[in-house]
Amino acid sequence: MTGQIIIKKLTNATEMLPNYLLIKQLSPQLTEDQYTTLLGEMVPNNYFQAAAYEGDNCVAVSGYWICTKLYSGKYIEIDNFVVDHHHRGKNVGKLLLDWMLEEGRKNGCKTAMLDAYVENFRAHHFYYREGFIARGFHYLKAL
């Protein structure tokens, strides 16, 4: 059983760096040096993390931005949402997602958006259950 979960907004790289091992559960190819470098580029561009703590232990984390696009208006972009594998199925993901959706509302967002890896069927099920729809395809091309 999971103890009390507290969600905190992280606003700087120093607060975010300890979450590397959690992020690595979702992105195993990401090195700690890459994580540090990327945070250095992302944080100045309004990147934040929401982190779920059980006591002093971070058990779930997600990055996010507040952005605006022509087709959606103001939105919250949820990024790299990961719950520690020992805490999955214990409502921690829902608590973190609910916090993030409320953060979007507080910031005047009309929509929440995210990407989920094609092969991550557990995530697909979770997001569908939480009312998200698959609206399109996210394409990328290495440069």
Protein backbone atom coordinates (compact mmCIF):
# COMPACT_ATOMS: atom_id res chain seq x y z
CA MET A 1 0.00 0.00 0.00
CA THR A 2 1.24 3.50 -0.83
CA GLY A 3 1.57 6.13 1.92
CA GLN A 4 0.55 9.78 1.62
CA ILE A 5 1.57 11.31 -1.70
CA ILE A 6 2.52 15.00 -1.91
CA ILE A 7 2.85 16.67 -5.33
CA LYS A 8 5.40 19.48 -5.71
CA LYS A 9 6.15 21.82 -8.59
CA LEU A 10 9.87 21.82 -9.44
CA THR A 11 11.10 25.00 -11.09
CA ASN A 12 14.86 24.62 -11.46
CA ALA A 13 17.37 22.03 -12.65
CA THR A 14 18.82 21.56 -9.16
CA GLU A 15 15.44 20.28 -7.94
CA MET A 16 14.98 18.15 -11.07
CA LEU A 17 18.38 16.46 -11.27
CA PRO A 18 17.62 13.84 -8.56
CA ASN A 19 14.75 12.55 -10.74
CA TYR A 20 17.14 11.18 -13.35
CA LEU A 21 16.77 7.53 -12.31
CA LEU A 22 12.99 7.81 -12.51
CA ILE A 23 13.14 9.42 -15.98
CA LYS A 24 15.54 6.65 -17.00
CA GLN A 25 12.78 4.09 -16.37
CA LEU A 26 10.91 5.63 -19.32
CA SER A 27 13.97 6.58 -21.40
CA PRO A 28 16.71 4.01 -20.65
CA GLN A 29 18.99 5.37 -23.39
CA LEU A 30 19.21 8.81 -21.69
CA THR A 31 22.50 9.36 -19.88
CA GLU A 32 22.80 11.48 -16.77
CA ASP A 33 25.03 13.95 -18.64
CA GLN A 34 22.41 14.26 -21.39
CA TYR A 35 19.67 14.78 -18.79
CA THR A 36 21.69 17.54 -17.11
CA THR A 37 22.45 19.24 -20.43
CA LEU A 38 18.86 19.04 -21.64
CA LEU A 39 17.51 20.47 -18.38
CA GLY A 40 19.93 23.37 -18.86
CA GLU A 41 18.28 24.07 -22.22
CA MET A 42 14.68 23.35 -21.19
CA VAL A 43 14.31 25.12 -17.82
CA PRO A 44 15.04 28.61 -19.26
CA ASN A 45 12.25 27.90 -21.78
CA ASN A 46 9.53 27.50 -19.13
CA TYR A 47 9.96 23.79 -18.50
CA PHE A 48 8.74 22.55 -15.11
CA GLN A 49 8.36 19.20 -13.43
CA ALA A 50 5.61 17.97 -11.16
CA ALA A 51 6.92 15.37 -8.75
CA ALA A 52 5.01 13.00 -6.48
CA TYR A 53 6.71 12.27 -3.17
CA GLU A 54 6.04 9.55 -0.67
CA GLY A 55 7.98 10.90 2.29
CA ASP A 56 11.35 11.98 0.92
CA ASN A 57 11.17 9.59 -2.07
CA CYS A 58 10.10 10.81 -5.49
CA VAL A 59 7.83 8.05 -6.82
CA ALA A 60 6.49 9.74 -9.97
CA VAL A 61 7.47 12.70 -12.10
CA SER A 62 6.38 14.48 -15.24
CA GLY A 63 7.68 17.47 -17.10
CA TYR A 64 5.38 20.10 -18.53
CA TRP A 65 5.19 23.36 -20.40
CA ILE A 66 2.42 25.92 -20.74
CA CYS A 67 2.27 26.81 -24.45
CA THR A 68 -0.01 28.18 -27.16
CA LYS A 69 -0.74 26.83 -30.63
CA LEU A 70 -3.04 28.17 -33.31
CA TYR A 71 -5.24 25.07 -33.41
CA SER A 72 -5.59 24.61 -29.66
CA GLY A 73 -5.04 27.94 -27.97
CA LYS A 74 -3.28 27.82 -24.61
CA TYR A 75 -2.47 24.27 -23.45
CA ILE A 76 -0.40 22.27 -20.99
CA GLU A 77 2.06 19.89 -22.64
CA ILE A 78 2.68 16.86 -20.43
CA ASP A 79 6.08 15.29 -21.09
CA ASN A 80 7.95 12.21 -19.84
CA PHE A 81 5.26 11.10 -17.41
CA VAL A 82 6.68 8.22 -15.37
CA VAL A 83 5.61 6.40 -12.23
CA ASP A 84 8.24 4.29 -10.47
CA HIS A 85 7.66 0.66 -11.40
CA HIS A 86 7.17 -0.24 -7.71
CA HIS A 87 4.32 2.29 -7.42
CA ARG A 88 2.33 1.54 -10.57
CA GLY A 89 -1.28 0.50 -10.06
CA LYS A 90 -1.46 2.38 -6.74
CA ASN A 91 -3.23 5.57 -7.92
CA VAL A 92 -0.01 7.63 -7.93
CA GLY A 93 -0.26 8.31 -11.68
CA LYS A 94 -3.83 9.55 -11.34
CA LEU A 95 -2.87 11.86 -8.47
CA LEU A 96 -0.01 13.31 -10.51
CA LEU A 97 -2.11 13.68 -13.66
CA ASP A 98 -4.96 15.35 -11.73
CA TRP A 99 -2.46 17.82 -10.25
CA MET A 100 -1.11 18.63 -13.71
CA LEU A 101 -4.56 19.12 -15.22
CA GLU A 102 -5.42 21.51 -12.39
CA GLU A 103 -2.13 23.34 -13.02
CA GLY A 104 -3.23 23.75 -16.63
CA ARG A 105 -6.62 25.11 -15.56
CA LYS A 106 -4.98 27.57 -13.12
CA ASN A 107 -2.86 28.84 -16.02
CA GLY A 108 -5.84 29.36 -18.33
CA CYS A 109 -5.21 26.32 -20.52
CA LYS A 110 -8.05 25.03 -22.67
CA THR A 111 -6.42 21.67 -23.46
CA ALA A 112 -3.91 19.15 -22.14
CA MET A 113 -1.70 17.36 -24.67
CA LEU A 114 0.87 14.60 -24.47
CA ASP A 115 2.65 11.95 -26.49
CA ALA A 116 2.85 8.27 -25.54
CA TYR A 117 5.19 5.82 -27.20
CA VAL A 118 3.37 3.60 -29.70
CA GLU A 119 4.45 0.45 -27.84
CA ASN A 120 3.46 1.76 -24.37
CA PHE A 121 0.05 0.09 -24.15
CA ARG A 122 -0.25 0.60 -20.38
CA ALA A 123 0.06 4.35 -20.93
CA HIS A 124 -2.53 4.27 -23.72
CA HIS A 125 -5.01 2.49 -21.43
CA PHE A 126 -4.30 4.96 -18.61
CA TYR A 127 -4.77 8.06 -20.77
CA TYR A 128 -7.93 6.73 -22.42
CA ARG A 129 -9.34 5.94 -18.98
CA GLU A 130 -8.56 9.51 -17.92
CA GLY A 131 -10.52 10.98 -20.84
CA PHE A 132 -7.76 11.66 -23.37
CA ILE A 133 -8.37 10.91 -27.04
CA ALA A 134 -5.87 9.97 -29.73
CA ARG A 135 -6.25 13.00 -32.00
CA GLY A 136 -3.41 12.43 -34.47
CA PHE A 137 0.05 11.09 -35.10
CA HIS A 138 3.28 12.58 -33.83
CA TYR A 139 5.96 12.33 -36.52
CA LEU A 140 9.67 12.81 -36.12
CA LYS A 141 12.70 12.62 -38.33
CA ALA A 142 16.31 12.56 -37.22
CA LEU A 143 18.35 15.46 -38.61
